Structure formats: C-alpha cells, structure tokens
Protein backbone atom coordinates (compact mmCIF):
# COMPACT_ATOMS: atom_id res chain seq x y z
CA MET A 1 -133.53 -39.23 -64.17
CA VAL A 2 -133.53 -43.00 -63.87
CA ASP A 3 -130.19 -44.71 -64.54
CA PHE A 4 -131.32 -47.36 -67.05
CA ARG A 5 -127.99 -49.16 -66.79
CA ARG A 6 -128.91 -50.07 -63.22
CA VAL A 7 -132.46 -51.00 -64.24
CA LEU A 8 -131.11 -53.34 -66.92
CA GLN A 9 -128.51 -54.68 -64.48
CA TRP A 10 -131.29 -55.84 -62.14
CA TYR A 11 -133.72 -57.25 -64.68
CA SER A 12 -130.93 -59.05 -66.57
CA HIS A 13 -130.67 -61.58 -63.73
CA GLU A 14 -132.36 -64.82 -64.78
CA SER A 15 -133.60 -65.36 -61.22
CA VAL A 16 -135.37 -61.97 -61.26
CA GLN A 17 -137.04 -62.69 -64.60
CA LYS A 18 -138.31 -66.08 -63.37
CA ALA A 19 -139.57 -64.55 -60.10
CA LEU A 20 -141.55 -61.90 -61.99
CA VAL A 21 -143.06 -64.44 -64.39
CA GLU A 22 -144.07 -66.61 -61.42
CA ALA A 23 -145.56 -63.64 -59.54
CA GLY A 24 -147.43 -62.49 -62.64
CA LYS A 25 -148.98 -65.86 -63.47
CA ASN A 26 -152.71 -65.46 -64.26
CA ARG A 27 -152.50 -61.77 -63.36
CA GLU A 28 -152.79 -58.65 -65.44
CA VAL A 29 -149.24 -57.19 -65.45
CA VAL A 30 -148.74 -53.56 -66.43
CA SER A 31 -145.52 -51.65 -67.09
CA VAL A 32 -144.77 -48.43 -65.22
CA PHE A 33 -142.32 -45.94 -66.72
CA GLN A 34 -139.90 -43.56 -65.02
CA ASP A 35 -142.38 -40.66 -65.15
CA GLY A 36 -144.99 -42.73 -63.30
CA SER A 37 -147.18 -43.31 -66.35
CA PHE A 38 -148.62 -46.77 -67.00
CA GLY A 39 -148.33 -48.92 -70.10
CA LYS A 40 -151.17 -50.45 -72.03
CA ARG A 41 -153.91 -52.45 -70.30
CA PRO A 42 -154.53 -55.31 -70.31
CA ASP A 43 -151.07 -56.85 -70.61
CA VAL A 44 -149.24 -59.90 -69.28
CA ILE A 45 -145.75 -61.34 -68.90
CA GLN A 46 -145.51 -65.04 -69.70
CA TYR A 47 -141.81 -65.59 -70.41
CA PRO A 48 -138.52 -64.20 -69.07
CA THR A 49 -137.91 -62.57 -72.46
CA ASP A 50 -141.12 -60.52 -71.95
CA VAL A 51 -139.43 -58.84 -68.98
CA ILE A 52 -136.33 -57.82 -70.95
CA GLN A 53 -138.45 -56.65 -73.89
CA ALA A 54 -140.53 -54.44 -71.60
CA VAL A 55 -137.38 -52.95 -70.04
CA ALA A 56 -135.97 -52.26 -73.50
CA GLU A 57 -139.13 -50.23 -74.16
CA GLY A 58 -138.62 -48.10 -71.04
CA THR A 59 -140.31 -50.11 -68.27
CA VAL A 60 -138.88 -49.50 -64.80
CA SER A 61 -141.49 -51.22 -62.63
CA PHE A 62 -143.99 -54.07 -63.02
CA HIS A 63 -147.41 -53.91 -61.33
CA GLY A 64 -149.74 -56.91 -61.15
CA SER A 65 -153.45 -57.25 -60.47
CA VAL A 66 -154.72 -58.27 -57.04
CA GLU A 67 -157.14 -60.53 -58.92
CA GLN A 68 -156.22 -63.65 -60.90
CA TRP A 69 -157.90 -64.32 -64.24
CA SER A 70 -158.49 -67.24 -66.59
CA ASN A 71 -157.34 -64.97 -69.43
CA PRO A 72 -156.20 -61.47 -68.40
CA MET A 73 -156.06 -60.34 -72.03
CA GLU A 74 -159.85 -60.61 -72.28
CA LEU A 75 -160.28 -57.79 -69.73
CA ASP A 76 -161.77 -54.60 -71.06
CA VAL A 77 -162.88 -51.18 -69.87
CA GLY A 78 -166.44 -50.98 -68.57
CA MET A 79 -167.02 -54.71 -68.04
CA THR A 80 -169.94 -55.58 -65.77
CA LYS A 81 -169.42 -57.36 -62.46
CA ALA A 82 -170.93 -60.54 -63.95
CA GLN A 83 -168.39 -60.44 -66.79
CA LEU A 84 -165.52 -59.87 -64.37
CA ASP A 85 -166.73 -62.66 -62.08
CA LYS A 86 -166.75 -65.06 -65.01
CA LEU A 87 -163.10 -64.27 -65.82
CA ARG A 88 -161.83 -64.10 -62.23
CA THR A 89 -160.36 -67.34 -60.88
CA GLY A 90 -159.17 -65.95 -57.55
CA TRP A 91 -157.78 -62.94 -55.69
CA SER A 92 -155.12 -62.23 -53.12
CA LEU A 93 -155.63 -60.29 -49.91
CA ILE A 94 -153.09 -57.46 -50.17
CA ILE A 95 -152.90 -55.24 -47.10
CA ASP A 96 -151.19 -51.91 -47.78
CA PRO A 97 -150.67 -49.89 -44.57
CA ASP A 98 -149.36 -46.63 -46.01
CA VAL A 99 -147.45 -44.26 -43.72
CA LYS A 100 -144.75 -41.73 -44.56
CA ASP A 101 -142.23 -43.01 -42.02
CA PHE A 102 -140.21 -46.18 -42.42
CA GLU A 103 -139.92 -47.04 -38.70
CA ILE A 104 -143.63 -46.48 -38.09
CA ALA A 105 -144.34 -48.65 -41.14
CA LYS A 106 -142.31 -51.47 -39.57
CA LEU A 107 -144.26 -51.20 -36.31
CA VAL A 108 -147.64 -51.23 -38.09
CA THR A 109 -146.69 -54.16 -40.33
CA LYS A 110 -145.55 -56.24 -37.35
CA GLU A 111 -148.82 -55.50 -35.53
CA ILE A 112 -150.98 -56.58 -38.47
CA VAL A 113 -148.91 -59.73 -39.03
CA GLY A 114 -149.37 -60.59 -35.34
CA LEU A 115 -153.13 -60.05 -35.70
CA LEU A 116 -153.25 -62.48 -38.64
CA TYR A 117 -151.30 -65.11 -36.70
CA LYS A 118 -153.82 -64.76 -33.84
CA HIS A 119 -156.58 -65.59 -36.30
CA GLY A 120 -154.82 -68.79 -37.36
CA VAL A 121 -153.46 -67.53 -40.69
CA LYS A 122 -150.21 -69.26 -41.65
CA ASN A 123 -149.72 -68.22 -45.29
CA ILE A 124 -148.51 -64.70 -44.51
CA SER A 125 -146.19 -62.97 -46.98
CA VAL A 126 -144.45 -59.64 -46.38
CA LYS A 127 -142.51 -57.53 -48.83
CA PHE A 128 -140.92 -54.11 -48.79
CA THR A 129 -142.68 -51.93 -51.37
CA GLY A 130 -139.51 -50.21 -52.54
CA GLY A 131 -140.84 -46.94 -51.13
CA LYS A 132 -141.58 -46.23 -47.45
CA GLY A 133 -143.56 -49.25 -46.34
CA PHE A 134 -144.58 -52.87 -46.72
CA HIS A 135 -147.25 -55.04 -48.34
CA ILE A 136 -148.75 -57.94 -46.41
CA GLY A 137 -150.25 -60.69 -48.55
CA ILE A 138 -152.45 -63.77 -48.12
CA PRO A 139 -152.90 -66.06 -51.17
CA PHE A 140 -156.29 -67.09 -52.49
CA GLU A 141 -155.68 -70.72 -51.46
CA SER A 142 -155.94 -69.61 -47.81
CA PHE A 143 -159.67 -68.93 -48.19
CA PRO A 144 -162.47 -71.49 -48.25
CA GLU A 145 -163.66 -72.40 -51.76
CA ARG A 146 -167.19 -71.31 -50.90
CA ILE A 147 -168.63 -68.86 -48.39
CA ASN A 148 -172.37 -68.93 -47.71
CA LEU A 149 -172.72 -71.26 -50.71
CA GLN A 150 -171.11 -68.72 -53.05
CA PRO A 151 -167.77 -69.34 -54.83
CA THR A 152 -165.14 -67.20 -53.12
CA ASN A 153 -163.64 -66.07 -56.43
CA ILE A 154 -166.76 -63.96 -57.15
CA LEU A 155 -166.76 -62.33 -53.70
CA TYR A 156 -164.24 -59.67 -54.71
CA PRO A 157 -164.16 -56.85 -53.78
CA SER A 158 -166.93 -57.18 -51.16
CA LEU A 159 -165.26 -59.88 -49.00
CA TYR A 160 -161.84 -58.27 -49.39
CA GLN A 161 -163.26 -54.93 -48.22
CA THR A 162 -165.01 -56.55 -45.23
CA ILE A 163 -161.76 -58.20 -44.08
CA ILE A 164 -159.78 -54.94 -44.38
CA GLU A 165 -162.40 -53.01 -42.38
CA TYR A 166 -162.41 -55.74 -39.75
CA ILE A 167 -158.61 -55.66 -39.48
CA LYS A 168 -158.72 -51.87 -38.99
CA TRP A 169 -161.38 -52.21 -36.29
CA TYR A 170 -159.63 -55.09 -34.51
CA SER A 171 -156.18 -53.46 -34.54
CA LYS A 172 -157.14 -49.87 -33.72
CA ASP A 173 -156.64 -49.97 -29.94
CA SER A 174 -153.48 -52.07 -29.98
CA LEU A 175 -151.97 -49.91 -32.73
CA LYS A 176 -152.72 -46.78 -30.74
CA GLU A 177 -150.99 -48.28 -27.70
CA LYS A 178 -147.92 -49.40 -29.68
CA LEU A 179 -147.60 -46.08 -31.49
CA LEU A 180 -147.75 -44.04 -28.29
CA ALA A 181 -145.17 -46.35 -26.72
CA PHE A 182 -142.95 -45.66 -29.75
CA ASP A 183 -143.31 -41.85 -29.56
CA ASP A 184 -145.71 -39.18 -28.33
CA ALA A 185 -148.54 -37.99 -30.58
CA GLU A 186 -146.91 -34.64 -31.39
CA ASN A 187 -143.71 -36.28 -32.60
CA LEU A 188 -145.65 -38.93 -34.52
CA ALA A 189 -147.42 -36.13 -36.39
CA LYS A 190 -144.11 -34.40 -37.16
CA ARG A 191 -142.62 -37.64 -38.48
CA ILE A 192 -145.25 -37.81 -41.21
CA GLY A 193 -145.46 -34.07 -41.89
CA LYS A 194 -148.88 -33.48 -40.28
CA SER A 195 -150.16 -31.38 -37.39
CA LEU A 196 -151.32 -32.89 -34.11
CA LYS A 197 -154.98 -32.08 -34.87
CA ASP A 198 -154.68 -34.00 -38.14
CA ILE A 199 -154.05 -37.30 -36.34
CA THR A 200 -156.33 -36.93 -33.30
CA VAL A 201 -160.06 -37.17 -32.62
CA ASP A 202 -161.33 -35.64 -29.36
CA ASN A 203 -157.68 -35.23 -28.29
CA GLU A 204 -157.07 -38.97 -28.73
CA LEU A 205 -154.68 -40.45 -31.29
CA ASP A 206 -156.48 -42.13 -34.19
CA PRO A 207 -154.02 -44.60 -35.77
CA PHE A 208 -155.85 -44.50 -39.09
CA LYS A 209 -155.37 -40.77 -39.41
CA LEU A 210 -151.65 -41.52 -39.15
CA ILE A 211 -151.84 -44.58 -41.40
CA SER A 212 -153.99 -44.98 -44.48
CA MET A 213 -155.13 -48.47 -45.39
CA ASP A 214 -156.88 -48.19 -48.74
CA ILE A 215 -159.69 -50.47 -49.85
CA PHE A 216 -159.14 -51.66 -53.41
CA GLY A 217 -161.67 -51.95 -56.21
CA SER A 218 -161.68 -54.20 -59.24
CA ARG A 219 -158.54 -54.43 -61.42
CA HIS A 220 -156.40 -52.81 -58.73
CA LEU A 221 -152.64 -53.18 -59.25
CA PHE A 222 -149.80 -53.62 -56.76
CA ARG A 223 -146.04 -53.58 -57.32
CA LEU A 224 -144.92 -57.14 -57.99
CA PRO A 225 -142.29 -58.82 -55.81
CA TYR A 226 -138.76 -58.31 -57.19
CA SER A 227 -139.91 -55.38 -59.31
CA LEU A 228 -137.98 -52.13 -58.93
CA HIS A 229 -139.71 -49.06 -57.52
CA GLU A 230 -140.04 -46.55 -60.38
CA SER A 231 -138.74 -43.61 -58.28
CA SER A 232 -136.33 -45.02 -55.70
CA LEU A 233 -134.98 -47.93 -57.82
CA LEU A 234 -135.14 -50.05 -54.67
CA VAL A 235 -136.32 -53.64 -55.05
CA SER A 236 -139.81 -54.56 -53.86
CA LEU A 237 -138.24 -57.28 -51.77
CA PRO A 238 -140.05 -60.17 -50.00
CA ILE A 239 -138.77 -60.81 -46.48
CA LYS A 240 -139.58 -63.24 -43.68
CA PRO A 241 -142.15 -61.69 -41.28
CA GLU A 242 -139.83 -62.30 -38.33
CA LYS A 243 -137.11 -60.19 -39.99
CA ILE A 244 -139.13 -56.97 -40.28
CA ASP A 245 -137.30 -55.34 -37.35
CA LYS A 246 -133.85 -55.97 -38.81
CA PHE A 247 -134.73 -54.96 -42.36
CA LYS A 248 -133.08 -51.82 -43.74
CA LYS A 249 -133.78 -50.05 -47.00
CA GLU A 250 -130.15 -50.67 -48.00
CA ASP A 251 -131.00 -54.40 -48.12
CA ALA A 252 -133.23 -53.66 -51.11
CA THR A 253 -130.64 -51.93 -53.30
CA ILE A 254 -129.92 -53.45 -56.69
CA GLU A 255 -126.42 -54.32 -55.53
CA ARG A 256 -127.48 -56.15 -52.33
CA ALA A 257 -130.93 -57.64 -53.03
CA LYS A 258 -131.21 -61.38 -53.74
CA VAL A 259 -134.06 -63.55 -55.00
CA GLU A 260 -134.65 -65.78 -51.98
CA GLU A 261 -138.12 -65.41 -50.46
CA LYS A 262 -141.45 -66.20 -52.10
CA PHE A 263 -144.54 -63.98 -52.01
CA LEU A 264 -148.13 -65.31 -51.99
CA ILE A 265 -147.04 -68.95 -52.26
CA PRO A 266 -149.38 -71.13 -50.11
CA VAL A 267 -148.06 -73.78 -47.74
CA GLU A 268 -151.45 -74.70 -46.28
CA LYS A 269 -155.04 -74.49 -47.56
CA ASN A 270 -158.01 -72.77 -45.89
CA ASP A 271 -155.88 -71.39 -43.05
CA ALA A 272 -157.67 -68.00 -43.27
CA GLU A 273 -161.12 -69.50 -42.67
CA GLY A 274 -161.16 -68.23 -39.08
CA LEU A 275 -160.31 -64.70 -40.23
CA VAL A 276 -163.16 -64.79 -42.77
CA VAL A 277 -165.68 -66.07 -40.20
CA GLU A 278 -164.72 -63.39 -37.66
CA ALA A 279 -164.80 -60.61 -40.27
CA LEU A 280 -168.24 -61.61 -41.56
CA ASP A 281 -169.62 -61.99 -38.04
CA TRP A 282 -168.30 -58.53 -37.13
CA ALA A 283 -169.76 -57.03 -40.30
CA SER A 284 -173.20 -58.50 -39.60
CA LYS A 285 -173.20 -57.17 -36.03
CA TYR A 286 -172.17 -53.70 -37.11
CA LYS A 287 -174.35 -53.82 -40.25
CA LEU A 288 -171.39 -52.85 -42.39
CA GLU A 289 -172.44 -51.93 -45.89
CA ILE A 290 -169.87 -52.75 -48.57
CA LYS A 291 -170.26 -51.07 -51.93
CA GLU A 292 -169.45 -53.16 -54.96
CA GLU A 293 -166.85 -51.26 -56.97
CA LEU A 294 -166.64 -51.77 -60.68
CA PRO A 295 -163.54 -50.73 -62.63
CA GLN A 296 -162.96 -47.02 -62.20
CA MET A 297 -161.83 -46.52 -65.78
CA LYS A 298 -164.66 -44.85 -67.70
CA LYS A 299 -165.19 -44.65 -71.40
CA PHE A 300 -163.55 -41.54 -72.82
CA VAL A 301 -166.10 -38.93 -73.81
CA ARG A 302 -164.71 -35.95 -75.71
CA MET A 303 -166.18 -32.67 -74.52
CA GLN A 304 -166.43 -29.37 -76.37
CA GLU A 305 -162.97 -27.92 -77.04
CA ILE A 306 -161.72 -25.47 -74.39
CA PRO A 307 -159.30 -22.79 -75.65
CA GLU A 308 -155.86 -22.17 -74.18
CA MET A 309 -156.84 -18.85 -72.60
CA PHE A 310 -158.71 -20.78 -69.87
CA PHE A 311 -155.76 -23.04 -68.94
CA PRO A 312 -154.31 -22.81 -65.40
CA PRO A 313 -150.88 -21.14 -64.89
CA CYS A 314 -149.13 -24.48 -64.32
CA ILE A 315 -150.12 -25.78 -67.77
CA LYS A 316 -149.17 -22.48 -69.42
CA PHE A 317 -145.82 -22.71 -67.63
CA LEU A 318 -145.19 -26.25 -68.91
CA LEU A 319 -146.14 -25.24 -72.46
CA LYS A 320 -143.24 -22.74 -72.49
CA GLY A 321 -140.78 -25.67 -72.54
CA LEU A 322 -138.48 -27.22 -69.94
CA SER A 323 -134.95 -28.41 -69.46
CA ASP A 324 -135.86 -30.86 -66.68
CA GLY A 325 -138.96 -32.98 -66.17
CA ARG A 326 -139.87 -33.04 -69.87
CA LYS A 327 -141.29 -36.59 -69.83
CA ARG A 328 -143.39 -35.90 -66.76
CA ALA A 329 -144.63 -32.71 -68.40
CA LEU A 330 -145.49 -34.66 -71.56
CA PHE A 331 -147.76 -36.99 -69.58
CA ILE A 332 -149.46 -34.02 -67.87
CA LEU A 333 -149.97 -32.14 -71.14
CA ILE A 334 -151.40 -35.00 -73.18
CA THR A 335 -153.88 -36.06 -70.47
CA PHE A 336 -154.84 -32.43 -69.79
CA LEU A 337 -155.41 -31.58 -73.47
CA ARG A 338 -157.51 -34.71 -74.03
CA ASN A 339 -159.70 -33.62 -71.12
CA MET A 340 -159.98 -30.17 -72.73
CA GLY A 341 -161.74 -31.75 -75.71
CA TRP A 342 -158.85 -31.16 -78.13
CA SER A 343 -158.75 -33.41 -81.19
CA ASP A 344 -155.94 -35.94 -81.52
CA GLU A 345 -154.50 -34.02 -84.47
CA LYS A 346 -154.51 -30.72 -82.58
CA ILE A 347 -152.90 -32.33 -79.53
CA GLN A 348 -150.17 -33.87 -81.68
CA ASN A 349 -149.39 -30.53 -83.35
CA LYS A 350 -149.31 -28.76 -79.97
CA ILE A 351 -147.01 -31.37 -78.43
CA PHE A 352 -144.49 -31.20 -81.29
CA GLU A 353 -144.61 -27.39 -81.14
CA TRP A 354 -144.01 -27.57 -77.38
CA ASN A 355 -141.12 -29.99 -77.80
CA GLU A 356 -139.21 -27.47 -79.92
CA LYS A 357 -139.11 -25.19 -76.85
CA ASN A 358 -137.54 -27.89 -74.65
CA ILE A 359 -133.79 -27.84 -73.98
CA PRO A 360 -132.95 -30.35 -75.31
CA PRO A 361 -136.09 -31.59 -77.14
CA LEU A 362 -137.36 -35.12 -76.52
CA ARG A 363 -136.84 -37.65 -79.31
CA ALA A 364 -139.60 -37.53 -81.92
CA ASN A 365 -140.02 -41.32 -81.73
CA TYR A 366 -140.66 -41.07 -78.00
CA LEU A 367 -143.30 -38.39 -78.56
CA ARG A 368 -145.05 -40.47 -81.19
CA SER A 369 -145.08 -43.62 -79.04
CA GLN A 370 -146.58 -41.71 -76.09
CA LEU A 371 -149.18 -40.00 -78.26
CA ARG A 372 -150.16 -43.31 -79.86
CA TRP A 373 -150.63 -44.92 -76.46
CA HIS A 374 -152.84 -42.10 -75.18
CA PHE A 375 -154.89 -41.88 -78.34
CA ARG A 376 -155.68 -45.62 -78.06
CA GLN A 377 -157.14 -45.17 -74.58
CA ASP A 378 -160.93 -45.16 -74.43
CA ARG A 379 -161.02 -44.17 -70.76
CA ASN A 380 -160.91 -40.87 -68.93
CA LEU A 381 -157.31 -40.57 -67.79
CA LEU A 382 -156.81 -37.41 -65.74
CA PRO A 383 -153.46 -35.65 -65.30
CA PRO A 384 -151.91 -36.11 -61.83
CA ASN A 385 -153.46 -34.06 -59.03
CA CYS A 386 -152.03 -30.63 -58.20
CA ASP A 387 -150.33 -31.74 -54.98
CA ASN A 388 -148.28 -34.44 -56.72
CA GLU A 389 -144.72 -33.86 -55.57
CA THR A 390 -143.01 -35.55 -58.52
CA PHE A 391 -145.12 -34.15 -61.33
CA TYR A 392 -145.58 -30.49 -60.32
CA LYS A 393 -143.54 -29.45 -57.30
CA GLN A 394 -140.22 -30.91 -58.44
CA ILE A 395 -140.38 -29.18 -61.83
CA GLY A 396 -141.51 -25.81 -60.47
CA ALA A 397 -145.08 -25.85 -61.79
CA TYR A 398 -146.96 -25.95 -58.46
CA ASP A 399 -145.89 -22.55 -57.06
CA ILE A 400 -146.78 -20.87 -60.37
CA CYS A 401 -150.46 -21.53 -59.63
CA CYS A 402 -150.57 -20.50 -55.98
CA LYS A 403 -151.51 -16.84 -56.59
CA GLU A 404 -154.41 -17.70 -58.88
CA VAL A 405 -155.58 -21.15 -57.80
CA ASP A 406 -156.95 -22.15 -54.39
CA HIS A 407 -155.39 -25.60 -54.03
CA ALA A 408 -157.59 -26.32 -51.02
CA ASN A 409 -160.57 -26.45 -53.37
CA VAL A 410 -158.93 -27.33 -56.68
CA LYS A 411 -157.47 -30.83 -56.74
CA ASN A 412 -156.64 -31.21 -60.43
CA PRO A 413 -155.60 -28.80 -63.22
CA VAL A 414 -158.64 -29.92 -65.24
CA ASN A 415 -160.93 -28.27 -62.66
CA VAL A 416 -159.56 -24.76 -63.33
CA PRO A 417 -160.82 -24.17 -66.90
CA LEU A 418 -164.12 -25.89 -66.11
CA ARG A 419 -164.71 -23.47 -63.22
CA LYS A 420 -163.67 -20.46 -65.32
CA LEU A 421 -166.15 -21.42 -68.02
CA LYS A 422 -168.91 -21.93 -65.47
CA GLU A 423 -168.24 -18.51 -63.93
CA ARG A 424 -168.15 -16.91 -67.37
CA LYS A 425 -171.55 -18.39 -68.28
CA GLN A 426 -173.03 -17.12 -65.02
CA ARG A 427 -171.71 -13.60 -65.72
CA ILE A 428 -173.17 -13.67 -69.24
CA LYS A 429 -176.57 -14.74 -67.87
C-alpha cells in the first residue's frame, strides 16, 4: 500500500508543483493511481493547485504526452492523423532504454548520450525514471522547423521512429562491446532474469535482446520529471548527463531529492539537425519502412454477454473477495467484465456484491468513482496481461490459473472465455 502521507509530503513542495506545471505545459497530463490505473483522458495541469487537487483524489504519479498540443483538451479517441497533426505543435524525442538492471541501465544510458554528443546534439536531458532505468530527452526546438519541405511537427511518429531505429543500429556494436566488458553474456542474462539463449543470436550477444527500446505511437505518455513513481515512490529525477555514474537510487527518495535540474529545456536551436540528416540518410539506404501509428485506443464495442461459467480461474478467485490487493482486483474485474459484454448495471451489481466479500470492504464512494470512470470510457481497455507481477502474481491470482491455462499461449484473461466459447461452438457443429 502506498503511504499517502509521503506522497502529499513530496507534492506539497511549491518547487515540485511549479516543476510539474512547467513540464506539463502544452502536454496532455494524466494521473496514475497506486494500482497502476490511469485517470481520465484528456486532462491537463495548468496551475500548482491542480497538482494538489489531483493528489487529494488519489493521484500518485503524473504522466505527460510526448507530443505538445495547441489545446490538449480537444484530443479525442479515434482522431485521424490529419486531425492530430492540426492540433500538434511539437514533440519531444524521448529515448527509453528499458532493462531490468540498474547498473546495466547506467551503462546503456551513458552510451546513448555519448552517441548523441557525437552527432552534435547539445540539448540532452537525462532523468531517472523512478524505477530501474533512465529517460533521455531531446526537446522539439532541437529539430529543424521543416524537413523535406514538411513542418516537423506533423512528422510524428514517423521521424521519431526513424531516429530511434537509427540509434539502435548505430549503437549496437559499441553497446555489445561495452556490455561484454562489464560482464560475460551468461551473467548479463542472469542479471535480468533471462537465459543465455534469450539474449544471443548465433551465439553472439544481441544488446537489444537484453535491452528493449520501444517505439512510441501517437498520444504516448511518459512519467513527468519530478513526478513520483507509482510503485517505488522514488522521484523521477532529472540529473546532469555527466553524473550518471555517481547517481544512486537513494538520491531519488522523497527525503533527499531536490528540484534543481531541468528536463527538455532547450539552450540551443536546431542542434539535432545532424542527427536527423544521418537518420534519414540511413533509412533511405536501408529502405526502412515506418508505419504510421494512430492512437491505439479503439471505440468500445460491447459484445454478446459471456456468462461467469466461462471465466478463467484467476477471475473466479478474485470474485471470492480479498484482504490484500482489493483496488488492483477492482481494476481487473471492471475491465474484464466490460470485455465480457456485461451491462453497466450488471457490472455495478456484481462489483458491490464482490466488495461485501472483501476483508475489509472498499469504501462505497471509491467503488462508485471507479465505476463512473470506466463507464465513461468509449475505448477498449483490457485488464492487465496475465504475467503482470503487480496485478496477478503479488495477490496470488496467477498460480491459480497455471493448471488450466497455458500462459505461453494465453496473454490476457479475456482470451480464456473467448477460446472456450470457440471450442464449444466447434464441438456443437
């Protein structure tokens, strides 16, 4: 459980409130709660009091959009690329090298920062994510205003994706060399909980099987600088690139962190022009095809109601009531039941019935607020995937399914009843 006294202690600082408002300027800013669920979209923070109000309503973390908008509140589900381009005024290059080892994350971040310096980029920001790694950022002002006669603000996500793929290609050999100098391949695999074959290709280490560097689509969110991490309660703390080696997680605790460094604040314009030119030249030589990604939130379409008898064991287990993980279970159950085609009224009745089995029950006002939020959503919001450590494994729901469900082929609880129904229809035929 999150200690909200510590959350309030951090966000009560005037300097923190101002830093969040500055970081969220012209961005969509979304609340994240202690169970990992997201608040309403679109949303913004414009004043320091907005931060405190959000925290009073249960917000632990603030996530902002990679893109900047003329009016974020005009964003809507299912907008076309042309509509998004019209609203978008810019975008930041956020590089997120994700690896489940803090020391490896430091090494990778330093290597990518060095690569950017080699390409003449000066506006380089680095921040600890609050989890296991770092974000590297370049502000929109670093890019030329136009590229091939097109305004750069409309070249998201295609140009962003090209640059990320180029960075991965350019850094692959040097990263491999640095990683093997740090430790041998077998130990590197152990450090991130994988087997040796998982991180090698033809018996050679592949850095990007050790590290994942995701390519973002439209309306992607990242944890804002000086926001808390919703699980660790560590501060997503900006640091000077040259201080990566000396940085320790303890430096990002609520008690020790200070608002000192800026993130994505330009000191020079067009300094990333060389990086853009090299990335586009590389892409043309290798005929890289970049797919334009539209928002991944789809309009919610209610299917035919699926009865409880087809539910997977994990959902049946949660429906028996819990003493720990009740809020996480609530998020799972509401999203699952909506995807089972249940009516809002039936879901509400089931949730209140379930809550009576909890020890102790959740507050009725909390249930109502969560139900209202979900019922307002006109997008397909799935429950977390089966392998989610926080949502299933920590509350004992994952192992319940292991005898009945093949987790190698079933990624989400929603898949189980759909497969059962399909098999049943085939048997009837």
